Amino acid sequence: MDKVKAIVLSASPWALVDENTGLLREGVSLQYVMTDNLKPVVNEDGTCGYRIAKESISKRNAKELVKVPGIYELEYGYTIKKGKPALKLQEVKFISEVGA
């Protein structure tokens, strides 16, 4: 599994009923930037700054969201999406608050 440090900017719980099965699905939507600091940056493609990533995690893993915004270690694993392997956020681990 791959691990990276990131700043989690927001965490929003969600719930919906699956139209096919009728089962309740729940999770937490995260918005984050893939860095542990907000120093100015020029990317390889010439763009500047940080793009916001969005992904959901399970409610079980959301218990690790101690402080938001905050710096977290994100752990990714592989899943299958539309028949192809894809990276999926598996776990979050709190490191520290974002410096003021």
Protein backbone atom coordinates (compact mmCIF):
# COMPACT_ATOMS: atom_id res chain seq x y z
CA MET A 1 0.00 0.00 0.00
CA ASP A 2 1.13 3.51 -0.81
CA LYS A 3 1.23 6.18 1.91
CA VAL A 4 1.31 9.97 1.41
CA LYS A 5 0.93 13.02 3.61
CA ALA A 6 -1.94 15.37 2.83
CA ILE A 7 -3.89 18.25 4.29
CA VAL A 8 -7.52 17.25 4.74
CA LEU A 9 -9.54 20.42 4.16
CA SER A 10 -13.06 19.15 4.80
CA ALA A 11 -14.97 16.04 5.83
CA SER A 12 -18.70 15.69 5.13
CA PRO A 13 -20.77 12.67 6.21
CA TRP A 14 -23.22 11.29 3.63
CA ALA A 15 -25.87 8.58 3.43
CA LEU A 16 -27.98 7.25 0.56
CA VAL A 17 -30.18 4.30 -0.23
CA ASP A 18 -28.82 2.09 -3.01
CA GLU A 19 -31.44 2.07 -5.79
CA ASN A 20 -30.68 -1.54 -6.77
CA THR A 21 -30.49 -3.20 -3.36
CA GLY A 22 -32.43 -0.82 -1.12
CA LEU A 23 -29.57 -0.92 1.40
CA LEU A 24 -28.36 2.19 3.19
CA ARG A 25 -24.81 3.20 2.20
CA GLU A 26 -22.87 5.65 4.38
CA GLY A 27 -19.47 7.30 4.31
CA VAL A 28 -17.57 10.53 4.63
CA SER A 29 -16.53 12.67 1.65
CA LEU A 30 -13.07 14.18 2.02
CA GLN A 31 -11.51 17.09 0.18
CA TYR A 32 -7.74 17.30 0.49
CA VAL A 33 -4.50 18.50 -1.08
CA MET A 34 -1.61 16.10 -1.58
CA THR A 35 0.97 17.96 0.50
CA ASP A 36 1.78 18.51 4.17
CA ASN A 37 2.51 22.23 3.70
CA LEU A 38 1.10 25.04 1.57
CA LYS A 39 4.34 26.49 0.26
CA PRO A 40 4.03 27.94 -3.26
CA VAL A 41 4.69 25.31 -5.93
CA VAL A 42 5.07 25.13 -9.71
CA ASN A 43 3.97 21.74 -11.03
CA GLU A 44 5.64 19.72 -13.80
CA ASP A 45 2.93 20.77 -16.28
CA GLY A 46 3.53 24.49 -15.58
CA THR A 47 0.47 24.99 -13.39
CA CYS A 48 0.89 26.59 -9.98
CA GLY A 49 -0.55 25.62 -6.62
CA TYR A 50 -2.47 22.57 -5.46
CA ARG A 51 -5.45 20.79 -6.96
CA ILE A 52 -8.11 19.55 -4.57
CA ALA A 53 -8.69 15.80 -4.50
CA LYS A 54 -12.09 14.39 -3.51
CA GLU A 55 -12.78 10.89 -2.26
CA SER A 56 -15.04 9.03 0.16
CA ILE A 57 -14.00 6.82 3.04
CA SER A 58 -16.05 4.50 5.24
CA LYS A 59 -17.60 5.74 8.46
CA ARG A 60 -15.32 3.27 10.28
CA ASN A 61 -12.20 5.01 8.92
CA ALA A 62 -13.69 8.46 9.54
CA LYS A 63 -13.18 7.93 13.30
CA GLU A 64 -9.52 8.82 12.65
CA LEU A 65 -10.48 12.35 11.56
CA VAL A 66 -9.35 14.04 14.77
CA LYS A 67 -9.09 17.65 13.56
CA VAL A 68 -10.08 19.11 10.20
CA PRO A 69 -8.32 20.84 8.60
CA GLY A 70 -5.34 18.76 9.60
CA ILE A 71 -2.30 16.92 8.29
CA TYR A 72 -2.92 13.22 7.76
CA GLU A 73 -1.12 10.18 6.47
CA LEU A 74 -3.31 8.69 3.74
CA GLU A 75 -2.95 5.03 2.88
CA TYR A 76 -4.02 3.80 -0.55
CA GLY A 77 -4.69 0.30 -1.79
CA TYR A 78 -5.93 -1.16 -5.04
CA THR A 79 -9.52 -1.88 -5.98
CA ILE A 80 -11.18 -2.83 -9.26
CA LYS A 81 -13.19 -0.13 -11.06
CA LYS A 82 -14.90 -0.98 -14.34
CA GLY A 83 -12.66 -4.03 -14.69
CA LYS A 84 -9.40 -2.12 -14.16
CA PRO A 85 -7.17 -1.72 -11.10
CA ALA A 86 -7.44 1.70 -9.46
CA LEU A 87 -5.98 3.30 -6.34
CA LYS A 88 -8.50 3.84 -3.55
CA LEU A 89 -8.09 5.69 -0.26
CA GLN A 90 -8.23 3.00 2.45
CA GLU A 91 -7.20 4.63 5.73
CA VAL A 92 -6.39 8.01 7.28
CA LYS A 93 -4.12 8.64 10.27
CA PHE A 94 -3.91 11.99 12.05
CA ILE A 95 -0.42 13.53 12.21
CA SER A 96 -0.94 17.12 13.38
CA GLU A 97 -2.91 20.32 13.12
CA VAL A 98 -2.18 22.65 10.22
CA GLY A 99 0.17 25.43 11.36
CA ALA A 100 -1.56 28.77 11.87
